[in-house]
Structure formats: C-alpha cells, structure tokens
Amino acid sequence: MNQIASKGQLRMSLLRWMLFTVPLIILLGFLSGQVAGSGEENRWFNALIKPDAQPPGWLFGVAWTILYAMMGTAIAMILHARGAPMRGVAIVLFLIQLALNLCWSPLFFGMHQVSAAFWLLVIIFLTALGTTVLFGRIRKAAAWFMVPYLAWLCFAGFLNMQIDRLNPGAETLVVPAARSQI
C-alpha cells in the first residue's frame, strides 16, 4: 500500500470540511441580514422605488442560501487541498471577500448608504473574482462553485445601482414610525 489515505478517506475528509464550512457560511450570511434588518419588513427599503428587475423578496433568501452553500463547498475543497501552491493566499482572499460580503447588508439596509453599498459590491466582485481565479488554479471544481456567486454579484450591483438612480435621496429618506390603530 503506497497511498497515505484511500480515496474513501479523502472523500470523508472533504465531507468533514463541508460539514463545517457550509453551515458556518450560511449562518454568517443569515446573521448579517438579521443584524442589518434586511428583508420584507424593512420599512426604509419598502419606501424606496425599486427597479422593474427587482425579484420578489423571498427569492433573496433562497438565492443567498444556495450561494452561501456553494461558497462553503468551494472553500472546503480548497481547505482540503493540502500542499497546493497558492492555497494560503486563496484562503485569505476568500475570507476577505466573505467579510466584505457580510458588511454589505448592514451598510445598505442598516445604514442606508446606497451609493457606498454599490461601491462595496464592486470591491466584493473584484475580490471574489480574484478568489475564483486562484481557486481555479488549485481545484477547478471549486472555481466553478464560485461562478454563480459572481453572476449574482453582477445582478446585485445592477439592482443596487438602479435603486441609487431611482432614489437620489435614499440615504436621507426618513420613514414615519409605524402606527397601530386600536
């Protein structure tokens, strides 16, 4: 036996990484949205004029859950690729783009900084693109798991830009307090 580990053992090692990274990244994404107050109940967001391409609110939760799961799978593949050249740089770049990603919802939904959120999306896209290129040099499949995320970032950037254009005073928009009648 010349192998250090069997194929089955290697698959289980990847599975263990995935069982850690996928739920962790989904949880972090969920917490970012919760802290920011993103979603259908955000009165500031509901008061904004939306572009025609704006999907229904429920779709964002579904899309981000799938994207975070794919990102978790991609980073698990890279974490599993011990000894691969550029692995450390790829992991650090992934963590940077993830941290930036998690800052977007609080910036947009929490602080109402629509223009700044757009430019943050540009930076997220560029770091995610760099991450994807590095992932491709280590594990091609990991790079492919990042491609839908890149596409969604482009779409999110388009929506963000349109919201900024349609709502020039969005940063200063004050929504009256909710009232309930008895």
Protein backbone atom coordinates (compact mmCIF):
# COMPACT_ATOMS: atom_id res chain seq x y z
CA MET A 1 0.00 0.00 0.00
CA ASN A 2 1.74 3.16 -1.26
CA GLN A 3 -1.08 5.60 -0.51
CA ILE A 4 -1.20 7.76 2.60
CA ALA A 5 -5.02 7.77 2.51
CA SER A 6 -7.56 5.84 0.49
CA LYS A 7 -10.00 7.56 -1.86
CA GLY A 8 -12.78 6.91 0.64
CA GLN A 9 -10.78 8.54 3.43
CA LEU A 10 -10.08 11.56 1.23
CA ARG A 11 -13.79 11.89 0.38
CA MET A 12 -14.65 11.75 4.08
CA SER A 13 -12.07 14.45 4.81
CA LEU A 14 -13.69 16.72 2.21
CA LEU A 15 -17.13 15.91 3.62
CA ARG A 16 -15.96 16.88 7.12
CA TRP A 17 -14.71 20.23 5.81
CA MET A 18 -18.04 20.77 4.03
CA LEU A 19 -20.00 19.91 7.18
CA PHE A 20 -18.10 22.73 8.89
CA THR A 21 -17.83 25.41 6.18
CA VAL A 22 -21.28 25.22 4.54
CA PRO A 23 -23.38 25.70 7.72
CA LEU A 24 -20.92 28.29 9.07
CA ILE A 25 -21.09 30.48 5.97
CA ILE A 26 -24.89 30.16 5.73
CA LEU A 27 -25.15 31.12 9.42
CA LEU A 28 -22.85 34.13 8.99
CA GLY A 29 -24.89 35.30 5.99
CA PHE A 30 -28.13 34.88 7.93
CA LEU A 31 -26.74 36.80 10.92
CA SER A 32 -25.52 39.62 8.67
CA GLY A 33 -29.02 40.00 7.23
CA GLN A 34 -30.65 39.82 10.67
CA VAL A 35 -28.33 42.43 12.18
CA ALA A 36 -28.98 44.74 9.23
CA GLY A 37 -32.75 44.33 9.30
CA SER A 38 -32.83 43.24 5.68
CA GLY A 39 -35.92 41.69 4.25
CA GLU A 40 -39.55 42.40 3.60
CA GLU A 41 -40.19 44.07 6.96
CA ASN A 42 -37.57 46.80 6.46
CA ARG A 43 -39.75 49.93 6.24
CA TRP A 44 -36.95 52.09 4.79
CA PHE A 45 -36.38 49.59 1.96
CA ASN A 46 -40.12 49.24 1.34
CA ALA A 47 -40.36 53.01 0.91
CA LEU A 48 -37.77 53.03 -1.90
CA ILE A 49 -38.67 52.94 -5.59
CA LYS A 50 -37.48 49.57 -6.94
CA PRO A 51 -36.31 48.79 -10.47
CA ASP A 52 -38.51 46.64 -12.70
CA ALA A 53 -35.94 43.83 -12.47
CA GLN A 54 -36.33 43.60 -8.67
CA PRO A 55 -37.26 39.98 -7.82
CA PRO A 56 -39.72 39.15 -5.03
CA GLY A 57 -38.25 39.41 -1.54
CA TRP A 58 -38.41 35.68 -0.76
CA LEU A 59 -36.09 34.94 -3.68
CA PHE A 60 -33.17 36.72 -2.00
CA GLY A 61 -33.23 34.36 0.99
CA VAL A 62 -33.37 31.32 -1.28
CA ALA A 63 -30.66 32.61 -3.63
CA TRP A 64 -28.27 33.61 -0.84
CA THR A 65 -28.72 30.28 0.96
CA ILE A 66 -27.79 28.43 -2.23
CA LEU A 67 -24.90 30.80 -2.98
CA TYR A 68 -23.51 30.55 0.56
CA ALA A 69 -23.75 26.75 0.38
CA MET A 70 -21.84 26.77 -2.90
CA MET A 71 -19.23 29.14 -1.46
CA GLY A 72 -18.90 26.85 1.58
CA THR A 73 -18.37 23.88 -0.72
CA ALA A 74 -15.76 25.78 -2.73
CA ILE A 75 -13.72 26.81 0.32
CA ALA A 76 -14.00 23.26 1.71
CA MET A 77 -12.39 21.98 -1.50
CA ILE A 78 -9.55 24.46 -1.09
CA LEU A 79 -9.09 23.70 2.61
CA HIS A 80 -8.96 20.02 1.64
CA ALA A 81 -6.23 20.65 -0.98
CA ARG A 82 -3.30 20.49 1.45
CA GLY A 83 0.06 21.29 -0.05
CA ALA A 84 -1.39 23.02 -3.12
CA PRO A 85 0.56 26.08 -4.25
CA MET A 86 -1.23 29.38 -3.52
CA ARG A 87 -3.68 27.63 -1.16
CA GLY A 88 -2.94 30.03 1.72
CA VAL A 89 -3.38 33.11 -0.47
CA ALA A 90 -6.64 31.73 -1.86
CA ILE A 91 -7.99 31.09 1.65
CA VAL A 92 -7.07 34.60 2.82
CA LEU A 93 -8.62 36.21 -0.27
CA PHE A 94 -11.78 34.14 0.22
CA LEU A 95 -12.03 35.30 3.84
CA ILE A 96 -11.54 38.94 2.79
CA GLN A 97 -14.29 38.78 0.17
CA LEU A 98 -16.57 36.96 2.63
CA ALA A 99 -16.01 39.62 5.31
CA LEU A 100 -16.75 42.34 2.74
CA ASN A 101 -19.87 40.43 1.65
CA LEU A 102 -21.10 40.26 5.23
CA CYS A 103 -20.68 44.06 5.55
CA TRP A 104 -22.93 44.82 2.58
CA SER A 105 -26.33 44.23 4.26
CA PRO A 106 -25.55 46.39 7.32
CA LEU A 107 -24.22 49.14 5.03
CA PHE A 108 -27.24 49.07 2.69
CA PHE A 109 -30.17 48.07 4.92
CA GLY A 110 -28.88 49.24 8.29
CA MET A 111 -27.05 52.47 7.48
CA HIS A 112 -28.99 53.27 4.27
CA GLN A 113 -25.77 54.00 2.39
CA VAL A 114 -26.94 53.04 -1.10
CA SER A 115 -24.06 54.58 -3.06
CA ALA A 116 -21.38 53.25 -0.71
CA ALA A 117 -23.03 49.81 -0.85
CA PHE A 118 -22.73 49.84 -4.64
CA TRP A 119 -19.00 50.58 -4.48
CA LEU A 120 -18.62 47.89 -1.83
CA LEU A 121 -20.26 45.46 -4.28
CA VAL A 122 -17.67 46.41 -6.89
CA ILE A 123 -14.88 45.63 -4.42
CA ILE A 124 -16.58 42.37 -3.38
CA PHE A 125 -16.86 41.36 -7.04
CA LEU A 126 -13.18 42.08 -7.70
CA THR A 127 -12.01 40.13 -4.64
CA ALA A 128 -14.43 37.28 -5.42
CA LEU A 129 -13.13 37.20 -8.99
CA GLY A 130 -9.54 37.01 -7.73
CA THR A 131 -10.60 34.27 -5.32
CA THR A 132 -12.25 32.34 -8.15
CA VAL A 133 -9.14 32.59 -10.34
CA LEU A 134 -6.95 31.29 -7.51
CA PHE A 135 -9.44 28.54 -6.71
CA GLY A 136 -9.29 27.51 -10.38
CA ARG A 137 -5.53 27.04 -10.13
CA ILE A 138 -5.98 24.79 -7.10
CA ARG A 139 -9.25 22.93 -7.80
CA LYS A 140 -11.23 23.71 -10.97
CA ALA A 141 -14.47 22.47 -9.37
CA ALA A 142 -14.05 24.99 -6.52
CA ALA A 143 -13.84 27.80 -9.08
CA TRP A 144 -16.98 26.61 -10.81
CA PHE A 145 -18.82 26.65 -7.46
CA MET A 146 -17.97 30.38 -7.25
CA VAL A 147 -19.27 31.32 -10.72
CA PRO A 148 -22.98 31.64 -9.74
CA TYR A 149 -21.90 33.94 -6.90
CA LEU A 150 -20.03 36.16 -9.36
CA ALA A 151 -23.11 36.29 -11.60
CA TRP A 152 -25.35 37.16 -8.64
CA LEU A 153 -22.94 39.91 -7.56
CA CYS A 154 -23.30 41.44 -11.03
CA PHE A 155 -27.09 41.29 -10.76
CA ALA A 156 -26.99 42.69 -7.20
CA GLY A 157 -24.73 45.50 -8.42
CA PHE A 158 -27.20 46.30 -11.19
CA LEU A 159 -30.12 46.39 -8.70
CA ASN A 160 -28.12 48.49 -6.24
CA MET A 161 -27.16 50.96 -8.99
CA GLN A 162 -30.78 51.21 -10.18
CA ILE A 163 -32.07 51.78 -6.64
CA ASP A 164 -29.47 54.52 -6.23
CA ARG A 165 -30.54 56.11 -9.52
CA LEU A 166 -34.28 55.88 -8.75
CA ASN A 167 -33.88 57.16 -5.18
CA PRO A 168 -31.38 60.04 -5.19
CA GLY A 169 -32.15 60.92 -1.56
CA ALA A 170 -32.27 57.36 -0.23
CA GLU A 171 -29.56 57.99 2.37
CA THR A 172 -31.65 60.75 3.96
CA LEU A 173 -35.10 59.19 3.50
CA VAL A 174 -36.97 59.24 6.79
CA VAL A 175 -39.82 56.78 7.10
CA PRO A 176 -42.55 57.69 9.59
CA ALA A 177 -42.79 55.46 12.63
CA ALA A 178 -45.17 52.55 12.41
CA ARG A 179 -48.54 53.24 13.97
CA SER A 180 -51.13 50.83 15.09
CA GLN A 181 -54.80 51.63 15.48
CA ILE A 182 -56.86 50.13 18.20
